[in-house]
Amino acid sequence: MPMFRSPFALALLLGTAAAAQQPAPAPQSPPAAAGQQPAGQGDGGLIVDVEGGISAPTPIAIPVMPAAAVVNTPAGSTDALGRQLSDIIANDLRNSGLFTPLSPGQLKSVSFPEVTQPAYDHWRGTQAQALVQGYIRANGDGTLTVGCYLYDVSAQRELARQGFVVPPADWRRAAHKCADTVYSRLTGEGPYFDSRVVYVAETGPKDKRIKRLAIMDQDGANHRFLTNGQSIVLTPRFAPNQQSIVYMSYVGRIPSIYVYDIGSGRQRLVVQNVATTFAPRFSPDGRNILFSMATGGNTDLYRVSSQGGTPTRLTTSPGIDTGGSYSPDGSRIVFESDRSGGQQIYVMNADGSNQQRISFGGGRYATPVWSPRGDLIAFTKLAGNFRIGTMSPSGGGEKLLTNDWSDEGPSWSPNGRAITFYRSGRGSSGKATLWMVDLTGVNERRIPTPLDGSDPAWGPLRP
């Protein structure tokens, strides 16, 4: 099977319905790669409606993954890992709002040979429409192999299979990858579970907060702090290659933009010898950084090479222009401006030309960010309370997704189906928490963090 010696090696193993009907041996190793057909495109298979599925989530069975042999590894014993893998897959799919995993009491024990020969009669009796089975095996070179198989219970056929070869430290990623396989195959949407979030971890009273950069998996696992809190940090954003983060810091009490290298922990100042630069974001190709800079009593959007250099000014209108975000193809920029007397959303070409206002509803609009699919712009609506909403790039179809006291700072999931944001509490404590909501506005949940959290940024899908 093909293997890629990156931090996460995987082999794509997508089976066909015909293959599923043949007698299958015990899964000693994942079979060779085959083609994949998206769900609902001519195969008559099980389909999960991403719009209507919220009111009736699809029942799905995810039994414990058996181990080829019980072996102790640096990540734990393989039998314990099999249980944890199944739990993570179930939690990912449940958190999407589209699936209802069966309870442990409804699940049967699955033997190793049974992984490729499902007991369809049993699973039909549980009312499960889909079945996820898999296995884990410790390899002689110290890596782990995780197999993942998706079955349509009613049609009694295999829909997809994948195998992942991972170092023990990355075993959780195999579970997220398996959940992504299931989600994508059944919904036709892109994956998003194997991704990370960078955010600002906060402690202390509201008027004296300690703010540190922190990074974690999208489900809150593998959490770690990146900075020590000696200087306040704000608005972190991933580079497209996920190897660095751009953010604003008050080093020397002057708001300035820095790039943090995740691998080495080193950070560097982006724009030298200027004061008050903020709200940075990488371009889709990673070559440039879009940011705001206040000079001469005016705040405008600028572009600078991600390696540093002389900034190029993109806006010149009186007032405050900030919060820029590129369209996925890099051709346009959405930003907020108070040039009309209050915060509103504008779009322009990437070179600063053709600036047009697109928000005209009541109240003010802030923190716009373009969807990775290009079809929507998320924003913060300021009208009494702060709410998260979306609109089309032309300004139409405005939809508010949340309705709490103070929700702000939206950031898109890699597939453009969900948005993370932060919610501030009332009163003097200033407690901030991270949340996620999908495009229906129905599936809203809190993202666990060890400390208060704000300014989340959802990174791209991991390679």
Protein backbone atom coordinates (compact mmCIF):
# COMPACT_ATOMS: atom_id res chain seq x y z
CA MET A 1 0.00 0.00 0.00
CA PRO A 2 1.28 3.50 -0.68
CA MET A 3 2.83 5.28 2.27
CA PHE A 4 3.90 8.90 2.62
CA ARG A 5 6.61 9.58 5.16
CA SER A 6 5.22 12.80 6.49
CA PRO A 7 4.24 13.29 10.16
CA PHE A 8 0.97 11.62 9.13
CA ALA A 9 1.21 8.83 6.58
CA LEU A 10 -1.95 7.49 5.01
CA ALA A 11 -3.10 5.20 2.26
CA LEU A 12 -6.38 5.92 0.49
CA LEU A 13 -8.40 2.73 0.39
CA LEU A 14 -11.84 3.27 -1.05
CA GLY A 15 -13.77 0.12 -1.84
CA THR A 16 -16.61 -0.47 -4.27
CA ALA A 17 -19.99 -2.08 -3.75
CA ALA A 18 -18.97 -5.01 -5.92
CA ALA A 19 -15.90 -5.68 -3.82
CA ALA A 20 -18.02 -5.63 -0.71
CA GLN A 21 -20.13 -8.52 -1.96
CA GLN A 22 -17.12 -10.86 -2.35
CA PRO A 23 -15.96 -13.05 0.53
CA ALA A 24 -13.45 -11.00 2.47
CA PRO A 25 -10.53 -12.35 4.51
CA ALA A 26 -9.58 -10.96 7.90
CA PRO A 27 -8.13 -7.47 7.42
CA GLN A 28 -4.45 -8.23 7.76
CA SER A 29 -3.67 -5.02 5.87
CA PRO A 30 -5.80 -2.45 4.07
CA PRO A 31 -6.55 -3.43 0.46
CA ALA A 32 -5.17 -1.57 -2.52
CA ALA A 33 -6.61 1.81 -3.44
CA ALA A 34 -9.73 2.03 -5.57
CA GLY A 35 -11.90 4.88 -6.80
CA GLN A 36 -14.50 6.72 -4.75
CA GLN A 37 -17.89 7.89 -5.91
CA PRO A 38 -19.43 10.78 -3.97
CA ALA A 39 -22.58 9.89 -2.07
CA GLY A 40 -25.81 10.38 -3.95
CA GLN A 41 -24.25 10.74 -7.41
CA GLY A 42 -25.75 7.93 -9.40
CA ASP A 43 -25.18 5.04 -6.99
CA GLY A 44 -28.50 5.20 -5.13
CA GLY A 45 -26.65 4.92 -1.85
CA LEU A 46 -27.34 6.31 1.59
CA ILE A 47 -27.38 10.13 1.60
CA VAL A 48 -27.35 12.51 4.57
CA ASP A 49 -29.01 15.88 3.89
CA VAL A 50 -26.78 18.61 5.35
CA GLU A 51 -29.75 20.98 5.52
CA GLY A 52 -32.59 18.73 6.61
CA GLY A 53 -30.51 16.25 8.62
CA ILE A 54 -30.43 18.50 11.66
CA SER A 55 -34.07 17.78 12.55
CA ALA A 56 -33.57 14.01 12.15
CA PRO A 57 -29.90 13.05 12.55
CA THR A 58 -28.94 9.79 10.86
CA PRO A 59 -28.58 6.82 13.25
CA ILE A 60 -25.10 5.35 12.86
CA ALA A 61 -23.40 2.41 14.59
CA ILE A 62 -19.74 2.77 15.57
CA PRO A 63 -18.67 -0.29 17.56
CA VAL A 64 -15.31 -0.60 19.30
CA MET A 65 -12.48 -1.24 16.86
CA PRO A 66 -10.86 -4.61 17.56
CA ALA A 67 -7.08 -5.00 17.70
CA ALA A 68 -5.26 -7.47 15.48
CA ALA A 69 -3.36 -8.34 18.67
CA VAL A 70 -3.20 -6.69 22.06
CA VAL A 71 0.14 -4.88 22.08
CA ASN A 72 1.48 -2.13 24.31
CA THR A 73 2.54 0.96 22.35
CA PRO A 74 3.78 4.46 23.34
CA ALA A 75 0.15 5.61 22.87
CA GLY A 76 -1.30 2.84 25.05
CA SER A 77 -2.43 -0.73 24.50
CA THR A 78 -4.06 -1.45 21.16
CA ASP A 79 -7.29 -2.71 22.76
CA ALA A 80 -7.67 0.56 24.71
CA LEU A 81 -6.85 2.56 21.57
CA GLY A 82 -9.58 0.69 19.68
CA ARG A 83 -12.17 1.93 22.18
CA GLN A 84 -10.82 5.48 22.08
CA LEU A 85 -10.73 5.57 18.29
CA SER A 86 -14.40 4.61 18.11
CA ASP A 87 -15.30 7.22 20.74
CA ILE A 88 -13.55 10.01 18.84
CA ILE A 89 -15.23 9.05 15.55
CA ALA A 90 -18.61 9.00 17.30
CA ASN A 91 -18.02 12.38 18.94
CA ASP A 92 -16.93 13.99 15.66
CA LEU A 93 -20.00 12.78 13.82
CA ARG A 94 -22.33 13.64 16.70
CA ASN A 95 -20.88 17.17 16.93
CA SER A 96 -21.64 17.74 13.24
CA GLY A 97 -25.33 17.62 14.16
CA LEU A 98 -26.03 15.24 11.28
CA PHE A 99 -25.56 11.88 13.01
CA THR A 100 -26.79 10.12 16.14
CA PRO A 101 -24.31 7.40 17.14
CA LEU A 102 -25.90 4.41 18.84
CA SER A 103 -25.41 4.21 22.60
CA PRO A 104 -22.87 1.70 23.97
CA GLY A 105 -25.72 -0.56 25.09
CA GLN A 106 -26.89 -0.90 21.49
CA LEU A 107 -23.48 -1.92 20.17
CA LYS A 108 -22.21 -5.48 19.83
CA SER A 109 -18.62 -6.63 20.12
CA VAL A 110 -16.97 -6.98 16.72
CA SER A 111 -14.29 -9.58 16.11
CA PHE A 112 -11.28 -8.86 13.94
CA PRO A 113 -12.47 -10.98 10.95
CA GLU A 114 -15.94 -9.39 11.24
CA VAL A 115 -14.56 -5.95 10.35
CA THR A 116 -14.87 -6.79 6.64
CA GLN A 117 -17.89 -9.09 7.04
CA PRO A 118 -20.54 -7.06 8.89
CA ALA A 119 -23.40 -8.74 10.75
CA TYR A 120 -26.01 -6.84 8.75
CA ASP A 121 -28.97 -8.68 10.30
CA HIS A 122 -27.93 -7.51 13.75
CA TRP A 123 -27.32 -3.89 12.74
CA ARG A 124 -30.67 -3.65 10.93
CA GLY A 125 -32.31 -4.53 14.21
CA THR A 126 -30.73 -1.50 15.89
CA GLN A 127 -32.28 0.87 13.30
CA ALA A 128 -28.79 2.08 12.33
CA GLN A 129 -28.69 3.28 8.74
CA ALA A 130 -24.90 3.34 8.49
CA LEU A 131 -22.16 1.27 10.13
CA VAL A 132 -18.53 2.23 10.79
CA GLN A 133 -16.19 -0.63 11.59
CA GLY A 134 -12.44 -0.69 11.79
CA TYR A 135 -9.40 -2.15 13.45
CA ILE A 136 -6.02 -1.19 14.87
CA ARG A 137 -2.71 -2.99 14.46
CA ALA A 138 0.76 -2.30 15.86
CA ASN A 139 3.42 -2.56 13.14
CA GLY A 140 6.96 -3.84 13.48
CA ASP A 141 8.46 -0.42 12.69
CA GLY A 142 6.69 1.22 15.64
CA THR A 143 3.84 2.75 13.63
CA LEU A 144 0.14 1.97 13.94
CA THR A 145 -2.26 0.96 11.19
CA VAL A 146 -5.90 1.98 11.59
CA GLY A 147 -8.48 0.58 9.17
CA CYS A 148 -11.80 2.36 8.61
CA TYR A 149 -14.79 0.84 6.78
CA LEU A 150 -18.19 2.43 6.08
CA TYR A 151 -21.23 0.29 5.28
CA ASP A 152 -24.81 0.98 4.19
CA VAL A 153 -26.82 -1.26 6.51
CA SER A 154 -30.03 -1.35 4.46
CA ALA A 155 -28.29 -2.01 1.12
CA GLN A 156 -25.80 -4.37 2.81
CA ARG A 157 -22.81 -2.98 1.01
CA GLU A 158 -19.53 -1.25 1.60
CA LEU A 159 -19.46 2.45 0.77
CA ALA A 160 -15.88 3.38 1.54
CA ARG A 161 -12.71 2.21 3.21
CA GLN A 162 -9.48 3.89 4.22
CA GLY A 163 -6.33 2.83 6.01
CA PHE A 164 -3.98 5.08 7.94
CA VAL A 165 -0.39 4.40 8.95
CA VAL A 166 0.55 6.78 11.75
CA PRO A 167 3.19 7.27 14.42
CA PRO A 168 1.75 6.60 17.87
CA ALA A 169 1.65 10.33 18.67
CA ASP A 170 -0.82 10.86 15.82
CA TRP A 171 -3.32 8.11 16.60
CA ARG A 172 -6.11 10.65 17.23
CA ARG A 173 -5.66 12.00 13.72
CA ALA A 174 -6.50 8.57 12.32
CA ALA A 175 -9.85 8.76 14.13
CA HIS A 176 -10.54 12.25 12.76
CA LYS A 177 -9.58 11.07 9.26
CA CYS A 178 -11.97 8.14 9.57
CA ALA A 179 -14.77 10.46 10.70
CA ASP A 180 -13.97 12.74 7.75
CA THR A 181 -14.29 9.76 5.40
CA VAL A 182 -17.73 8.92 6.78
CA TYR A 183 -18.92 12.54 6.80
CA SER A 184 -17.77 13.25 3.25
CA ARG A 185 -19.04 9.98 1.79
CA LEU A 186 -22.52 10.37 3.28
CA THR A 187 -23.02 14.12 2.84
CA GLY A 188 -21.04 14.93 -0.30
CA GLU A 189 -19.41 17.78 1.65
CA GLY A 190 -15.71 18.30 2.22
CA PRO A 191 -14.01 17.02 5.38
CA TYR A 192 -13.15 19.15 8.41
CA PHE A 193 -12.55 17.03 11.51
CA ASP A 194 -8.78 16.64 11.01
CA SER A 195 -8.05 20.31 11.56
CA ARG A 196 -6.79 22.63 14.28
CA VAL A 197 -7.85 25.88 15.93
CA VAL A 198 -5.54 28.62 17.16
CA TYR A 199 -6.97 31.07 19.65
CA VAL A 200 -6.22 33.49 22.49
CA ALA A 201 -6.27 31.85 25.93
CA GLU A 202 -7.29 34.33 28.63
CA THR A 203 -6.93 34.51 32.41
CA GLY A 204 -7.29 37.23 35.02
CA PRO A 205 -9.79 40.03 35.69
CA LYS A 206 -11.46 41.85 32.81
CA ASP A 207 -9.35 45.00 33.20
CA LYS A 208 -6.06 43.08 33.43
CA ARG A 209 -6.28 40.03 31.22
CA ILE A 210 -3.32 37.78 30.45
CA LYS A 211 -3.62 36.66 26.84
CA ARG A 212 -1.57 33.83 25.31
CA LEU A 213 -1.56 32.09 21.96
CA ALA A 214 -2.82 28.51 22.18
CA ILE A 215 -3.40 25.77 19.64
CA MET A 216 -5.52 22.59 19.75
CA ASP A 217 -7.36 20.07 17.61
CA GLN A 218 -10.83 21.18 16.53
CA ASP A 219 -12.38 19.03 19.27
CA GLY A 220 -10.21 20.61 21.99
CA ALA A 221 -7.66 17.78 22.30
CA ASN A 222 -3.86 18.12 22.07
CA HIS A 223 -4.01 21.57 23.60
CA ARG A 224 -0.81 23.56 24.12
CA PHE A 225 0.23 27.15 24.73
CA LEU A 226 2.52 28.89 22.24
CA THR A 227 3.36 32.11 24.10
CA ASN A 228 3.94 32.84 27.79
CA GLY A 229 1.57 35.78 28.28
CA GLN A 230 4.22 38.43 28.93
CA SER A 231 2.70 40.46 26.08
CA ILE A 232 -0.96 40.61 25.07
CA VAL A 233 -1.73 38.81 21.80
CA LEU A 234 -4.77 39.17 19.53
CA THR A 235 -6.24 37.93 16.23
CA PRO A 236 -4.06 34.88 15.42
CA ARG A 237 -4.48 33.43 11.92
CA PHE A 238 -2.93 30.34 10.30
CA ALA A 239 -0.72 30.46 7.24
CA PRO A 240 -2.13 28.28 4.44
CA ASN A 241 0.69 25.75 4.96
CA GLN A 242 -0.08 25.68 8.72
CA GLN A 243 3.59 26.05 9.59
CA SER A 244 3.20 29.55 11.02
CA ILE A 245 0.69 31.91 12.60
CA VAL A 246 0.37 35.66 12.07
CA TYR A 247 -0.97 37.71 14.98
CA MET A 248 -0.91 41.07 16.72
CA SER A 249 1.09 41.61 19.90
CA TYR A 250 1.63 44.52 22.27
CA VAL A 251 5.37 44.01 22.67
CA GLY A 252 6.72 47.30 24.05
CA ARG A 253 3.07 48.44 24.36
CA ILE A 254 2.94 49.13 20.62
CA PRO A 255 0.45 47.06 18.56
CA SER A 256 2.60 45.25 16.00
CA ILE A 257 2.29 42.22 13.71
CA TYR A 258 4.38 39.11 14.26
CA VAL A 259 4.71 35.73 12.59
CA TYR A 260 5.16 32.73 14.89
CA ASP A 261 6.84 29.58 13.51
CA ILE A 262 5.00 26.62 15.05
CA GLY A 263 7.89 24.18 14.61
CA SER A 264 10.70 26.27 16.11
CA GLY A 265 8.73 28.59 18.39
CA ARG A 266 10.54 31.60 16.92
CA GLN A 267 8.67 34.80 16.13
CA ARG A 268 9.56 37.78 13.98
CA LEU A 269 8.24 41.28 13.43
CA VAL A 270 6.62 41.68 10.02
CA VAL A 271 6.68 45.46 9.49
CA GLN A 272 9.62 47.36 10.92
CA ASN A 273 9.72 50.88 12.38
CA VAL A 274 6.00 51.66 12.21
CA ALA A 275 3.41 52.06 14.96
CA THR A 276 -0.06 50.56 15.41
CA THR A 277 -0.41 47.68 12.95
CA PHE A 278 -3.16 45.14 13.57
CA ALA A 279 -5.76 42.65 12.19
CA PRO A 280 -3.36 40.57 10.03
CA ARG A 281 -4.31 37.71 7.71
CA PHE A 282 -2.38 35.67 5.15
CA SER A 283 -3.31 35.66 1.48
CA PRO A 284 -4.53 32.26 0.18
CA ASP A 285 -1.14 31.53 -1.41
CA GLY A 286 0.74 32.55 1.75
CA ARG A 287 2.90 35.07 -0.09
CA ASN A 288 1.40 38.20 1.44
CA ILE A 289 -0.10 39.44 4.67
CA LEU A 290 -3.08 41.79 4.66
CA PHE A 291 -3.24 44.11 7.68
CA SER A 292 -4.37 47.49 8.96
CA MET A 293 -2.06 50.36 9.86
CA ALA A 294 -2.89 53.66 11.52
CA THR A 295 -0.83 56.62 10.28
CA GLY A 296 -1.59 60.34 10.28
CA GLY A 297 -4.92 59.85 12.05
CA ASN A 298 -6.22 57.45 9.41
CA THR A 299 -6.43 53.65 9.39
CA ASP A 300 -6.14 51.83 6.08
CA LEU A 301 -5.58 48.36 4.70
CA TYR A 302 -2.10 47.43 3.53
CA ARG A 303 -0.43 44.44 1.94
CA VAL A 304 3.11 43.31 2.68
CA SER A 305 5.19 40.28 1.70
CA SER A 306 4.99 37.53 4.30
CA GLN A 307 8.78 37.79 4.49
CA GLY A 308 8.55 41.50 5.36
CA GLY A 309 9.40 44.57 3.35
CA THR A 310 7.69 47.79 2.32
CA PRO A 311 3.87 47.70 2.66
CA THR A 312 1.55 48.59 -0.21
CA ARG A 313 -1.43 50.77 0.72
CA LEU A 314 -4.79 49.48 -0.59
CA THR A 315 -7.37 51.94 0.81
CA THR A 316 -7.29 55.72 1.19
CA SER A 317 -10.76 56.73 2.41
CA PRO A 318 -11.03 58.82 5.61
CA GLY A 319 -11.91 56.75 8.66
CA ILE A 320 -11.05 53.24 9.77
CA ASP A 321 -10.63 50.43 7.23
CA THR A 322 -9.76 47.10 8.86
CA GLY A 323 -10.62 43.41 9.23
CA GLY A 324 -9.63 42.38 5.71
CA SER A 325 -10.10 38.83 4.43
CA TYR A 326 -9.27 37.42 0.98
CA SER A 327 -11.63 35.47 -1.24
CA PRO A 328 -10.44 31.84 -1.70
CA ASP A 329 -8.90 32.61 -5.09
CA GLY A 330 -7.15 35.72 -3.78
CA SER A 331 -8.78 38.02 -6.32
CA ARG A 332 -10.93 40.05 -3.89
CA ILE A 333 -10.90 41.31 -0.33
CA VAL A 334 -13.76 41.86 2.10
CA PHE A 335 -13.25 44.40 4.89
CA GLU A 336 -15.05 46.67 7.31
CA SER A 337 -15.05 50.46 7.17
CA ASP A 338 -16.75 53.32 8.99
CA ARG A 339 -16.41 55.70 6.03
CA SER A 340 -20.23 55.91 5.82
CA GLY A 341 -20.54 56.90 9.48
CA GLY A 342 -20.77 53.42 11.03
CA GLN A 343 -19.11 50.02 10.61
CA GLN A 344 -20.20 48.37 7.35
CA ILE A 345 -18.86 45.67 5.05
CA TYR A 346 -17.14 46.44 1.75
CA VAL A 347 -15.52 44.35 -0.96
CA MET A 348 -12.77 45.36 -3.38
CA ASN A 349 -10.32 43.84 -5.82
CA ALA A 350 -7.09 42.55 -4.30
CA ASP A 351 -5.22 45.62 -5.60
CA GLY A 352 -7.62 48.00 -3.80
CA SER A 353 -9.71 48.95 -6.83
CA ASN A 354 -13.50 48.82 -7.21
CA GLN A 355 -14.46 49.29 -3.54
CA GLN A 356 -18.16 48.67 -2.96
CA ARG A 357 -20.34 48.55 0.14
CA ILE A 358 -22.40 45.36 0.45
CA SER A 359 -24.09 45.60 3.90
CA PHE A 360 -27.25 47.69 4.22
CA GLY A 361 -29.23 46.09 7.05
CA GLY A 362 -29.97 47.82 10.34
CA GLY A 363 -27.10 48.11 12.79
CA ARG A 364 -23.39 47.79 12.22
CA TYR A 365 -21.23 45.03 10.74
CA ALA A 366 -17.71 43.93 11.68
CA THR A 367 -15.06 41.19 11.35
CA PRO A 368 -16.05 39.92 7.88
CA VAL A 369 -14.36 36.73 6.66
CA TRP A 370 -14.75 34.97 3.33
CA SER A 371 -15.86 31.33 3.27
CA PRO A 372 -13.28 28.85 1.89
CA ARG A 373 -15.98 27.82 -0.60
CA GLY A 374 -16.32 31.41 -1.78
CA ASP A 375 -20.10 31.46 -1.56
CA LEU A 376 -20.60 33.33 1.72
CA ILE A 377 -19.12 35.97 4.00
CA ALA A 378 -19.44 35.57 7.76
CA PHE A 379 -19.59 38.64 9.99
CA THR A 380 -20.43 40.04 13.41
CA LYS A 381 -23.73 41.97 13.50
CA LEU A 382 -23.87 44.78 16.07
CA ALA A 383 -27.51 45.70 16.72
CA GLY A 384 -28.30 45.67 20.43
CA ASN A 385 -26.40 42.44 20.99
CA PHE A 386 -23.55 40.93 18.95
CA ARG A 387 -24.53 38.07 16.64
CA ILE A 388 -22.83 35.87 14.04
CA GLY A 389 -24.30 35.98 10.55
CA THR A 390 -23.64 35.25 6.90
CA MET A 391 -24.40 36.96 3.60
CA SER A 392 -23.48 36.46 -0.03
CA PRO A 393 -20.46 38.31 -1.47
CA SER A 394 -22.93 40.68 -3.14
CA GLY A 395 -24.62 41.43 0.20
CA GLY A 396 -27.80 39.42 -0.31
CA GLY A 397 -29.28 36.58 1.70
CA GLU A 398 -28.31 37.90 5.14
CA LYS A 399 -28.87 35.24 7.81
CA LEU A 400 -28.16 35.51 11.54
CA LEU A 401 -27.01 32.24 13.09
CA THR A 402 -26.67 33.08 16.80
CA ASN A 403 -28.64 35.15 19.28
CA ASP A 404 -26.68 35.51 22.51
CA TRP A 405 -25.56 38.66 24.28
CA SER A 406 -22.11 38.97 22.69
CA ASP A 407 -20.97 36.64 19.88
CA GLU A 408 -18.17 37.82 17.61
CA GLY A 409 -15.05 36.95 15.63
CA PRO A 410 -16.26 34.27 13.16
CA SER A 411 -13.83 31.86 11.49
CA TRP A 412 -14.76 29.18 8.94
CA SER A 413 -14.22 25.44 9.08
CA PRO A 414 -12.09 24.09 6.20
CA ASN A 415 -15.18 22.89 4.31
CA GLY A 416 -17.22 26.08 4.79
CA ARG A 417 -20.06 24.28 6.63
CA ALA A 418 -19.38 25.49 10.19
CA ILE A 419 -18.14 28.63 11.94
CA THR A 420 -16.23 29.03 15.17
CA PHE A 421 -16.55 32.24 17.21
CA TYR A 422 -16.23 33.48 20.76
CA ARG A 423 -18.89 34.46 23.25
CA SER A 424 -18.30 37.02 26.00
CA GLY A 425 -20.18 36.83 29.29
CA ARG A 426 -21.98 39.64 31.03
CA GLY A 427 -20.63 41.45 34.06
CA SER A 428 -17.18 42.34 35.31
CA SER A 429 -15.63 38.87 34.89
CA GLY A 430 -15.41 39.23 31.11
CA LYS A 431 -15.37 35.46 30.70
CA ALA A 432 -14.99 34.45 27.05
CA THR A 433 -15.66 31.00 25.60
CA LEU A 434 -15.25 29.37 22.19
CA TRP A 435 -18.26 28.09 20.27
CA MET A 436 -19.18 26.51 16.96
CA VAL A 437 -22.35 26.85 14.87
CA ASP A 438 -23.24 25.35 11.49
CA LEU A 439 -24.89 27.13 8.58
CA THR A 440 -28.37 26.09 9.68
CA GLY A 441 -27.92 28.04 12.93
CA VAL A 442 -29.37 25.05 14.79
CA ASN A 443 -26.33 22.98 15.74
CA GLU A 444 -24.51 25.22 18.23
CA ARG A 445 -22.04 23.85 20.76
CA ARG A 446 -19.25 25.01 23.03
CA ILE A 447 -15.65 24.02 22.25
CA PRO A 448 -13.86 22.94 25.44
CA THR A 449 -10.75 24.90 26.46
CA PRO A 450 -8.78 24.76 29.74
CA LEU A 451 -8.98 28.56 30.13
CA ASP A 452 -11.20 31.32 28.78
CA GLY A 453 -10.84 31.72 25.01
CA SER A 454 -11.31 34.39 22.33
CA ASP A 455 -10.26 35.24 18.76
CA PRO A 456 -10.45 31.67 17.37
CA ALA A 457 -9.12 30.88 13.90
CA TRP A 458 -9.95 27.55 12.27
CA GLY A 459 -7.01 26.25 10.26
CA PRO A 460 -7.06 24.40 6.94
CA LEU A 461 -7.47 20.64 6.72
CA ARG A 462 -4.22 19.01 7.82
CA PRO A 463 -2.20 17.14 5.18
